[in-house]
Structure formats: C-alpha cells, structure tokens
C-alpha atoms as a PDB file:
ATOM      1  CA  UNK A   1      -0.132  -0.212   0.160  1.00  0.00           C
ATOM      2  CA  UNK A   2       3.224   2.339   0.087  1.00  0.00           C
ATOM      3  CA  UNK A   3       2.164   3.214  -3.724  1.00  0.00           C
ATOM      4  CA  UNK A   4      -1.042   4.406  -2.479  1.00  0.00           C
ATOM      5  CA  UNK A   5       0.465   6.556   0.298  1.00  0.00           C
ATOM      6  CA  UNK A   6       3.650   7.794  -1.782  1.00  0.00           C
ATOM      7  CA  UNK A   7       3.708   9.374  -5.642  1.00  0.00           C
ATOM      8  CA  UNK A   8       7.529   9.118  -5.342  1.00  0.00           C
ATOM      9  CA  UNK A   9       8.988   6.964  -2.351  1.00  0.00           C
ATOM     10  CA  UNK A  10      13.531   6.431  -2.701  1.00  0.00           C
ATOM     11  CA  UNK A  11      13.974   2.442  -2.167  1.00  0.00           C
ATOM     12  CA  UNK A  12      16.352   3.820   1.001  1.00  0.00           C
ATOM     13  CA  UNK A  13      12.739   4.780   2.638  1.00  0.00           C
ATOM     14  CA  UNK A  14      11.500   1.445   1.356  1.00  0.00           C
ATOM     15  CA  UNK A  15      13.905  -0.582   3.035  1.00  0.00           C
ATOM     16  CA  UNK A  16      14.094   1.272   6.332  1.00  0.00           C
ATOM     17  CA  UNK A  17      10.163   0.786   6.398  1.00  0.00           C
ATOM     18  CA  UNK A  18      10.072  -2.941   5.252  1.00  0.00           C
ATOM     19  CA  UNK A  19      13.174  -3.424   7.553  1.00  0.00           C
ATOM     20  CA  UNK A  20      15.389  -4.535   4.392  1.00  0.00           C
ATOM     21  CA  UNK A  21      19.002  -4.735   4.878  1.00  0.00           C
ATOM     22  CA  UNK A  22      19.719  -2.837   2.044  1.00  0.00           C
ATOM     23  CA  UNK A  23      18.374  -0.912  -1.056  1.00  0.00           C
ATOM     24  CA  UNK A  24      19.180  -3.328  -3.954  1.00  0.00           C
ATOM     25  CA  UNK A  25      16.848  -5.682  -2.027  1.00  0.00           C
ATOM     26  CA  UNK A  26      13.971  -3.285  -1.943  1.00  0.00           C
ATOM     27  CA  UNK A  27      14.717  -2.430  -5.442  1.00  0.00           C
ATOM     28  CA  UNK A  28      14.084  -6.080  -6.230  1.00  0.00           C
ATOM     29  CA  UNK A  29      11.093  -6.371  -4.397  1.00  0.00           C
ATOM     30  CA  UNK A  30       9.527  -3.046  -6.007  1.00  0.00           C
ATOM     31  CA  UNK A  31      10.621  -4.850  -9.689  1.00  0.00           C
ATOM     32  CA  UNK A  32       8.772  -7.689  -8.875  1.00  0.00           C
ATOM     33  CA  UNK A  33       5.895  -5.988  -7.818  1.00  0.00           C
ATOM     34  CA  UNK A  34       5.543  -4.268 -10.721  1.00  0.00           C
ATOM     35  CA  UNK A  35       6.613  -7.212 -13.100  1.00  0.00           C
ATOM     36  CA  UNK A  36       3.699  -9.088 -11.191  1.00  0.00           C
ATOM     37  CA  UNK A  37       1.368  -5.941 -12.057  1.00  0.00           C
ATOM     38  CA  UNK A  38       0.895  -5.745  -7.698  1.00  0.00           C
ATOM     39  CA  UNK A  39       1.528  -2.214  -8.280  1.00  0.00           C
ATOM     40  CA  UNK A  40       1.697   0.454 -11.537  1.00  0.00           C
ATOM     41  CA  UNK A  41       5.006   2.412 -10.898  1.00  0.00           C
ATOM     42  CA  UNK A  42       8.061   3.595 -12.758  1.00  0.00           C
ATOM     43  CA  UNK A  43      11.618   2.272 -11.294  1.00  0.00           C
ATOM     44  CA  UNK A  44      14.175   4.992 -12.155  1.00  0.00           C
ATOM     45  CA  UNK A  45      17.493   2.861 -11.002  1.00  0.00           C
ATOM     46  CA  UNK A  46      19.969   5.598 -11.509  1.00  0.00           C
ATOM     47  CA  UNK A  47      17.828   7.884  -9.538  1.00  0.00           C
ATOM     48  CA  UNK A  48      17.598   5.512  -6.903  1.00  0.00           C
ATOM     49  CA  UNK A  49      13.284   6.006  -6.595  1.00  0.00           C
ATOM     50  CA  UNK A  50      10.263   4.416  -7.328  1.00  0.00           C
ATOM     51  CA  UNK A  51       7.187   6.862  -8.830  1.00  0.00           C
ATOM     52  CA  UNK A  52       3.811   5.417  -9.077  1.00  0.00           C
ATOM     53  CA  UNK A  53       1.611   6.212 -11.579  1.00  0.00           C
ATOM     54  CA  UNK A  54      -1.550   8.293 -11.265  1.00  0.00           C
ATOM     55  CA  UNK A  55      -4.730   5.874 -10.218  1.00  0.00           C
ATOM     56  CA  UNK A  56      -7.428   6.814 -12.487  1.00  0.00           C
ATOM     57  CA  UNK A  57     -11.106   6.677 -11.573  1.00  0.00           C
ATOM     58  CA  UNK A  58     -12.313   3.319 -12.716  1.00  0.00           C
ATOM     59  CA  UNK A  59     -15.526   4.097 -11.944  1.00  0.00           C
ATOM     60  CA  UNK A  60     -15.159   7.229 -15.099  1.00  0.00           C
ATOM     61  CA  UNK A  61     -14.752   4.721 -17.228  1.00  0.00           C
ATOM     62  CA  UNK A  62     -17.278   1.651 -18.895  1.00  0.00           C
ATOM     63  CA  UNK A  63     -15.182  -1.017 -17.602  1.00  0.00           C
ATOM     64  CA  UNK A  64     -17.336  -1.436 -14.373  1.00  0.00           C
ATOM     65  CA  UNK A  65     -20.570  -1.354 -16.889  1.00  0.00           C
ATOM     66  CA  UNK A  66     -18.682  -3.835 -19.301  1.00  0.00           C
ATOM     67  CA  UNK A  67     -17.676  -6.557 -16.036  1.00  0.00           C
ATOM     68  CA  UNK A  68     -21.539  -5.907 -15.141  1.00  0.00           C
ATOM     69  CA  UNK A  69     -23.018  -6.722 -18.159  1.00  0.00           C
ATOM     70  CA  UNK A  70     -20.798  -9.714 -18.427  1.00  0.00           C
ATOM     71  CA  UNK A  71     -22.085 -10.853 -15.378  1.00  0.00           C
ATOM     72  CA  UNK A  72     -25.526 -10.734 -16.316  1.00  0.00           C
ATOM     73  CA  UNK A  73     -24.912 -12.279 -19.962  1.00  0.00           C
ATOM     74  CA  UNK A  74     -23.527 -15.254 -18.310  1.00  0.00           C
ATOM     75  CA  UNK A  75     -26.440 -15.452 -15.758  1.00  0.00           C
ATOM     76  CA  UNK A  76     -28.998 -15.199 -18.534  1.00  0.00           C
ATOM     77  CA  UNK A  77     -27.188 -18.124 -20.753  1.00  0.00           C
ATOM     78  CA  UNK A  78     -27.754 -20.315 -17.934  1.00  0.00           C
ATOM     79  CA  UNK A  79     -30.812 -19.448 -17.398  1.00  0.00           C
ATOM     80  CA  UNK A  80     -31.836 -19.944 -21.025  1.00  0.00           C
ATOM     81  CA  UNK A  81     -29.444 -23.536 -21.175  1.00  0.00           C
ATOM     82  CA  UNK A  82     -31.584 -24.659 -18.029  1.00  0.00           C
ATOM     83  CA  UNK A  83     -34.407 -23.875 -19.712  1.00  0.00           C
ATOM     84  CA  UNK A  84     -33.773 -25.699 -22.807  1.00  0.00           C
ATOM     85  CA  UNK A  85     -32.616 -28.863 -20.992  1.00  0.00           C
ATOM     86  CA  UNK A  86     -36.422 -28.948 -19.084  1.00  0.00           C
ATOM     87  CA  UNK A  87     -38.183 -29.508 -22.196  1.00  0.00           C
ATOM     88  CA  UNK A  88     -40.000 -31.912 -23.083  1.00  0.00           C
ATOM     89  CA  UNK A  89     -38.062 -34.670 -25.318  1.00  0.00           C
ATOM     90  CA  UNK A  90     -38.932 -35.248 -29.187  1.00  0.00           C
ATOM     91  CA  UNK A  91     -41.866 -37.362 -30.191  1.00  0.00           C
ATOM     92  CA  UNK A  92     -39.512 -40.122 -30.944  1.00  0.00           C
ATOM     93  CA  UNK A  93     -39.860 -40.495 -26.965  1.00  0.00           C
ATOM     94  CA  UNK A  94     -43.551 -41.607 -27.069  1.00  0.00           C
ATOM     95  CA  UNK A  95     -43.142 -44.402 -29.143  1.00  0.00           C
ATOM     96  CA  UNK A  96     -42.252 -46.400 -26.176  1.00  0.00           C
ATOM     97  CA  UNK A  97     -45.306 -45.605 -24.357  1.00  0.00           C
ATOM     98  CA  UNK A  98     -48.230 -47.491 -24.767  1.00  0.00           C
ATOM     99  CA  UNK A  99     -51.344 -46.453 -26.895  1.00  0.00           C
ATOM    100  CA  UNK A 100     -54.800 -44.993 -25.216  1.00  0.00           C
ATOM    101  CA  UNK A 101     -56.127 -48.050 -26.584  1.00  0.00           C
ATOM    102  CA  UNK A 102     -53.716 -50.746 -25.427  1.00  0.00           C
ATOM    103  CA  UNK A 103     -53.873 -48.623 -21.837  1.00  0.00           C
ATOM    104  CA  UNK A 104     -57.781 -49.356 -21.946  1.00  0.00           C
ATOM    105  CA  UNK A 105     -56.979 -52.756 -22.783  1.00  0.00           C
ATOM    106  CA  UNK A 106     -54.194 -53.610 -19.868  1.00  0.00           C
ATOM    107  CA  UNK A 107     -56.781 -51.760 -17.502  1.00  0.00           C
ATOM    108  CA  UNK A 108     -59.913 -54.340 -18.409  1.00  0.00           C
ATOM    109  CA  UNK A 109     -57.767 -56.790 -17.510  1.00  0.00           C
ATOM    110  CA  UNK A 110     -56.712 -55.687 -14.553  1.00  0.00           C
ATOM    111  CA  UNK A 111     -60.683 -54.885 -14.093  1.00  0.00           C
ATOM    112  CA  UNK A 112     -61.695 -58.954 -15.017  1.00  0.00           C
ATOM    113  CA  UNK A 113     -58.416 -59.970 -13.063  1.00  0.00           C
ATOM    114  CA  UNK A 114     -59.373 -58.352  -9.817  1.00  0.00           C
ATOM    115  CA  UNK A 115     -63.455 -59.208 -10.262  1.00  0.00           C
ATOM    116  CA  UNK A 116     -62.437 -62.579 -10.361  1.00  0.00           C
ATOM    117  CA  UNK A 117     -60.206 -62.023  -7.324  1.00  0.00           C
ATOM    118  CA  UNK A 118     -62.912 -60.752  -5.132  1.00  0.00           C
ATOM    119  CA  UNK A 119     -65.221 -63.728  -6.573  1.00  0.00           C
ATOM    120  CA  UNK A 120     -62.635 -66.596  -5.487  1.00  0.00           C
ATOM    121  CA  UNK A 121     -62.749 -64.364  -1.796  1.00  0.00           C
ATOM    122  CA  UNK A 122     -66.523 -64.154  -1.626  1.00  0.00           C
ATOM    123  CA  UNK A 123     -66.329 -67.966  -2.647  1.00  0.00           C
ATOM    124  CA  UNK A 124     -63.779 -68.898   0.137  1.00  0.00           C
ATOM    125  CA  UNK A 125     -66.232 -67.057   3.135  1.00  0.00           C
ATOM    126  CA  UNK A 126     -69.573 -68.905   2.318  1.00  0.00           C
END
C-alpha cells in the first residue's frame, strides 16, 4: 500500500520501512511487484526511487458497466440453457409408451382379474 501513500519514494525509505538489509533488496522487491502487476509504478534505477503511476478513477470508465454486463449475460445464458434442458423430449420418445387403446385393454384385463379375485374371496367365505 506504499504506492498509494507515496507518489515517489526512494529505495532507502522502502528498505527502512520494510526493515530490509539494503536498497538493492528494496529495488528487487519493487521490480518484482511491478512485473507481477501488483503495483503500477516506474522504477528510476539511476536516481534510486520508485514513481507511482497516477491511479485513474475506474468508475469514470465503462469498465464496471462492461463487467456487470458480462455477469448478467452469463446468468441469462445459464438460465436459457436450463430452460432448454427442461423441455420435453422429441416425439420419438413416445414410441416406447403405450397407446390409449393399449392402456384401456390393460385396465380392462386388470378389472377382470380383480373381479375374479373378489369372486374367489367371496366363495371362500361361504
């Protein structure tokens, strides 16, 4: 967070604040942080300091709107895919199911079997 507090800070000051042994150690750490995009700064090797780049207000750009739009588009895409997945299968699925006439015949056979079983039970109690 030193890069937010200081616009320019010498390697000697960085070494003292971080309790490092030398300015070269501080320069190495700052160079690694700049290379890894942890901080945005320019290093002045010959002058012995780090110059922070100006932080621009990210909310004055379209970046937050674009990120929000991307998230909403992702959610809508998941929603649309789930709706498509819940749709009924194609007509070829129906060929495995019994027709209405077959169902009526099966129900009729079940009723006849139930009547026969009831008649047998009645005969057994007399």
